[in-house]
Amino acid sequence: LRLGVGGIGISDDNVRGEKDLLSELLGLGQDLLGSVNEVILDEGGAHVKTQVVKADAIPDGWMGLDNGPDTTAEQKEFLSDCKTI
């Protein structure tokens, strides 16, 4: 499985580490919230271009810059019942 992650190199060690972390969190009954979409940045040229794409569809030559609007909305909803301690 290869997801579009732009020009970022992902090593097998990174993938193994992430799988281990996910397994541990799921084993503890923790909720996981992923990214739905992202604002991406064109890495080439003097004129910076940005766009919003699905989180698993970052084209080569672009890099993830920040949460997209759908991701931010989902995070706000997920955290809406949190209280300050």
N, C-alpha and C. Protein backbone atom coordinates (compact mmCIF):
# COMPACT_ATOMS: atom_id res chain seq x y z
N LEU A 1 0.86 -1.19 0.00
CA LEU A 1 0.00 0.00 0.00
C LEU A 1 0.89 1.23 0.00
N ARG A 2 0.67 2.13 -0.95
CA ARG A 2 1.41 3.38 -0.99
C ARG A 2 0.42 4.52 -1.03
N LEU A 3 0.48 5.36 -0.04
CA LEU A 3 -0.37 6.54 -0.02
C LEU A 3 0.42 7.71 -0.56
N GLY A 4 -0.26 8.65 -1.22
CA GLY A 4 0.40 9.83 -1.72
C GLY A 4 0.87 10.71 -0.57
N VAL A 5 2.17 10.82 -0.41
CA VAL A 5 2.71 11.65 0.66
C VAL A 5 3.70 12.67 0.10
N GLY A 6 3.56 12.99 -1.16
CA GLY A 6 4.43 13.98 -1.76
C GLY A 6 5.85 13.46 -1.89
N GLY A 7 6.82 14.33 -1.67
CA GLY A 7 8.22 13.97 -1.84
C GLY A 7 8.86 13.44 -0.57
N ILE A 8 8.09 13.19 0.48
CA ILE A 8 8.65 12.74 1.75
C ILE A 8 9.01 11.27 1.66
N GLY A 9 10.20 10.92 2.09
CA GLY A 9 10.61 9.53 2.12
C GLY A 9 10.17 8.89 3.43
N ILE A 10 9.54 7.73 3.34
CA ILE A 10 9.10 7.00 4.53
C ILE A 10 9.84 5.67 4.56
N SER A 11 10.62 5.46 5.61
CA SER A 11 11.40 4.23 5.71
C SER A 11 10.58 3.12 6.34
N ASP A 12 11.00 1.89 6.14
CA ASP A 12 10.34 0.75 6.76
C ASP A 12 10.36 0.86 8.28
N ASP A 13 11.45 1.42 8.83
CA ASP A 13 11.53 1.60 10.28
C ASP A 13 10.45 2.54 10.79
N ASN A 14 10.18 3.62 10.03
CA ASN A 14 9.11 4.54 10.41
C ASN A 14 7.76 3.83 10.41
N VAL A 15 7.51 3.05 9.39
CA VAL A 15 6.23 2.34 9.27
C VAL A 15 6.08 1.35 10.42
N ARG A 16 7.14 0.59 10.72
CA ARG A 16 7.08 -0.37 11.83
C ARG A 16 6.82 0.35 13.15
N GLY A 17 7.49 1.47 13.37
CA GLY A 17 7.30 2.24 14.60
C GLY A 17 5.88 2.75 14.73
N GLU A 18 5.32 3.25 13.64
CA GLU A 18 3.94 3.74 13.67
C GLU A 18 2.95 2.61 13.92
N LYS A 19 3.18 1.46 13.30
CA LYS A 19 2.29 0.31 13.52
C LYS A 19 2.33 -0.12 14.98
N ASP A 20 3.53 -0.13 15.58
CA ASP A 20 3.66 -0.50 16.98
C ASP A 20 2.90 0.48 17.88
N LEU A 21 3.05 1.77 17.60
CA LEU A 21 2.36 2.79 18.39
C LEU A 21 0.85 2.66 18.25
N LEU A 22 0.37 2.47 17.02
CA LEU A 22 -1.06 2.31 16.80
C LEU A 22 -1.60 1.09 17.54
N SER A 23 -0.90 -0.01 17.48
CA SER A 23 -1.32 -1.22 18.17
C SER A 23 -1.41 -1.00 19.67
N GLU A 24 -0.41 -0.30 20.21
CA GLU A 24 -0.40 -0.03 21.64
C GLU A 24 -1.58 0.85 22.04
N LEU A 25 -1.83 1.91 21.29
CA LEU A 25 -2.94 2.81 21.61
C LEU A 25 -4.29 2.11 21.48
N LEU A 26 -4.46 1.34 20.42
CA LEU A 26 -5.72 0.63 20.25
C LEU A 26 -5.92 -0.40 21.36
N GLY A 27 -4.82 -1.03 21.80
CA GLY A 27 -4.90 -1.98 22.90
C GLY A 27 -5.31 -1.33 24.20
N LEU A 28 -5.03 -0.04 24.36
CA LEU A 28 -5.41 0.71 25.55
C LEU A 28 -6.82 1.30 25.43
N GLY A 29 -7.47 1.06 24.30
CA GLY A 29 -8.82 1.58 24.10
C GLY A 29 -8.85 3.06 23.77
N GLN A 30 -7.76 3.60 23.26
CA GLN A 30 -7.69 5.02 22.93
C GLN A 30 -8.33 5.30 21.57
N ASP A 31 -8.99 6.42 21.46
CA ASP A 31 -9.53 6.86 20.18
C ASP A 31 -8.41 7.49 19.37
N LEU A 32 -8.42 7.26 18.08
CA LEU A 32 -7.44 7.86 17.18
C LEU A 32 -8.16 8.75 16.19
N LEU A 33 -7.62 9.91 15.96
CA LEU A 33 -8.22 10.86 15.04
C LEU A 33 -7.19 11.17 13.96
N GLY A 34 -7.51 10.81 12.74
CA GLY A 34 -6.59 11.02 11.63
C GLY A 34 -6.92 12.27 10.85
N SER A 35 -6.13 12.52 9.86
CA SER A 35 -6.32 13.69 9.01
C SER A 35 -7.22 13.34 7.84
N VAL A 36 -8.23 14.18 7.60
CA VAL A 36 -9.15 13.99 6.48
C VAL A 36 -8.60 14.66 5.23
N ASN A 37 -8.17 15.90 5.40
CA ASN A 37 -7.57 16.64 4.29
C ASN A 37 -6.47 17.54 4.83
N GLU A 38 -5.64 18.02 3.92
CA GLU A 38 -4.49 18.84 4.32
C GLU A 38 -4.29 19.98 3.34
N VAL A 39 -3.73 21.06 3.87
CA VAL A 39 -3.25 22.14 3.01
C VAL A 39 -1.85 21.73 2.59
N ILE A 40 -1.59 21.76 1.30
CA ILE A 40 -0.27 21.36 0.81
C ILE A 40 0.40 22.52 0.09
N LEU A 41 1.72 22.42 -0.01
CA LEU A 41 2.55 23.47 -0.57
C LEU A 41 3.37 22.89 -1.70
N ASP A 42 3.39 23.61 -2.82
CA ASP A 42 4.23 23.22 -3.95
C ASP A 42 5.66 23.55 -3.59
N GLU A 43 6.53 22.52 -3.60
CA GLU A 43 7.92 22.71 -3.19
C GLU A 43 8.80 23.36 -4.24
N GLY A 44 8.33 23.50 -5.44
CA GLY A 44 9.19 24.03 -6.50
C GLY A 44 8.84 25.45 -6.89
N GLY A 45 9.83 26.17 -7.35
CA GLY A 45 9.60 27.50 -7.91
C GLY A 45 9.57 28.61 -6.88
N ALA A 46 9.66 29.82 -7.39
CA ALA A 46 9.69 31.01 -6.55
C ALA A 46 8.28 31.43 -6.11
N HIS A 47 7.26 31.06 -6.89
CA HIS A 47 5.89 31.43 -6.58
C HIS A 47 5.22 30.27 -5.85
N VAL A 48 4.96 30.47 -4.56
CA VAL A 48 4.40 29.42 -3.72
C VAL A 48 2.94 29.19 -4.09
N LYS A 49 2.60 27.92 -4.27
CA LYS A 49 1.22 27.54 -4.54
C LYS A 49 0.76 26.62 -3.43
N THR A 50 -0.49 26.78 -3.00
CA THR A 50 -1.08 25.88 -2.01
C THR A 50 -2.40 25.37 -2.55
N GLN A 51 -2.82 24.24 -2.00
CA GLN A 51 -4.15 23.71 -2.30
C GLN A 51 -4.54 22.75 -1.18
N VAL A 52 -5.81 22.38 -1.14
CA VAL A 52 -6.31 21.43 -0.16
C VAL A 52 -6.60 20.12 -0.90
N VAL A 53 -6.08 19.02 -0.34
CA VAL A 53 -6.28 17.70 -0.93
C VAL A 53 -6.62 16.71 0.17
N LYS A 54 -7.15 15.55 -0.23
CA LYS A 54 -7.37 14.47 0.72
C LYS A 54 -6.03 14.09 1.33
N ALA A 55 -6.04 13.70 2.60
CA ALA A 55 -4.81 13.44 3.34
C ALA A 55 -3.96 12.33 2.71
N ASP A 56 -4.57 11.42 1.99
CA ASP A 56 -3.81 10.32 1.40
C ASP A 56 -3.50 10.55 -0.08
N ALA A 57 -3.59 11.79 -0.51
CA ALA A 57 -3.39 12.07 -1.94
C ALA A 57 -2.48 13.27 -2.18
N ILE A 58 -1.41 13.37 -1.42
CA ILE A 58 -0.45 14.46 -1.63
C ILE A 58 0.41 14.09 -2.83
N PRO A 59 0.38 14.90 -3.89
CA PRO A 59 1.16 14.56 -5.08
C PRO A 59 2.67 14.74 -4.87
N ASP A 60 3.44 14.03 -5.67
CA ASP A 60 4.89 14.20 -5.63
C ASP A 60 5.24 15.66 -5.93
N GLY A 61 6.25 16.18 -5.24
CA GLY A 61 6.67 17.56 -5.42
C GLY A 61 5.92 18.53 -4.53
N TRP A 62 4.96 18.03 -3.73
CA TRP A 62 4.21 18.86 -2.80
C TRP A 62 4.47 18.32 -1.40
N MET A 63 4.25 19.15 -0.37
CA MET A 63 4.40 18.67 0.99
C MET A 63 3.23 19.16 1.84
N GLY A 64 2.89 18.34 2.84
CA GLY A 64 1.84 18.71 3.77
C GLY A 64 2.27 19.90 4.60
N LEU A 65 1.38 20.88 4.71
CA LEU A 65 1.71 22.11 5.42
C LEU A 65 0.91 22.24 6.71
N ASP A 66 -0.39 21.91 6.65
CA ASP A 66 -1.25 22.11 7.82
C ASP A 66 -2.54 21.30 7.62
N ASN A 67 -3.34 21.26 8.68
CA ASN A 67 -4.65 20.63 8.57
C ASN A 67 -5.48 21.34 7.52
N GLY A 68 -6.29 20.57 6.80
CA GLY A 68 -7.29 21.16 5.93
C GLY A 68 -8.53 21.50 6.73
N PRO A 69 -9.48 22.21 6.13
CA PRO A 69 -10.67 22.65 6.85
C PRO A 69 -11.53 21.50 7.38
N ASP A 70 -11.64 20.41 6.66
CA ASP A 70 -12.43 19.28 7.14
C ASP A 70 -11.78 18.62 8.35
N THR A 71 -10.46 18.51 8.33
CA THR A 71 -9.73 17.94 9.47
C THR A 71 -9.90 18.81 10.70
N THR A 72 -9.78 20.12 10.54
CA THR A 72 -9.94 21.04 11.66
C THR A 72 -11.34 20.95 12.24
N ALA A 73 -12.35 20.89 11.39
CA ALA A 73 -13.74 20.77 11.86
C ALA A 73 -13.94 19.46 12.64
N GLU A 74 -13.36 18.38 12.15
CA GLU A 74 -13.48 17.09 12.83
C GLU A 74 -12.78 17.12 14.19
N GLN A 75 -11.62 17.75 14.26
CA GLN A 75 -10.90 17.86 15.52
C GLN A 75 -11.69 18.70 16.53
N LYS A 76 -12.27 19.80 16.08
CA LYS A 76 -13.07 20.64 16.97
C LYS A 76 -14.24 19.86 17.54
N GLU A 77 -14.92 19.09 16.69
CA GLU A 77 -16.05 18.28 17.15
C GLU A 77 -15.58 17.23 18.15
N PHE A 78 -14.48 16.56 17.85
CA PHE A 78 -13.95 15.50 18.71
C PHE A 78 -13.59 16.04 20.09
N LEU A 79 -13.05 17.26 20.13
CA LEU A 79 -12.59 17.85 21.39
C LEU A 79 -13.61 18.76 22.05
N SER A 80 -14.81 18.85 21.50
CA SER A 80 -15.79 19.83 21.97
C SER A 80 -16.23 19.61 23.42
N ASP A 81 -16.14 18.41 23.94
CA ASP A 81 -16.58 18.18 25.32
C ASP A 81 -15.42 18.19 26.33
N CYS A 82 -14.24 18.58 25.89
CA CYS A 82 -13.08 18.65 26.79
C CYS A 82 -13.22 19.84 27.73
N LYS A 83 -12.69 19.68 28.88
CA LYS A 83 -12.73 20.73 29.90
C LYS A 83 -11.29 21.08 30.30
N THR A 84 -11.10 22.29 30.81
CA THR A 84 -9.82 22.71 31.34
C THR A 84 -9.66 22.17 32.74
N ILE A 85 -8.48 21.65 33.05
CA ILE A 85 -8.24 21.11 34.39
C ILE A 85 -7.59 22.17 35.24
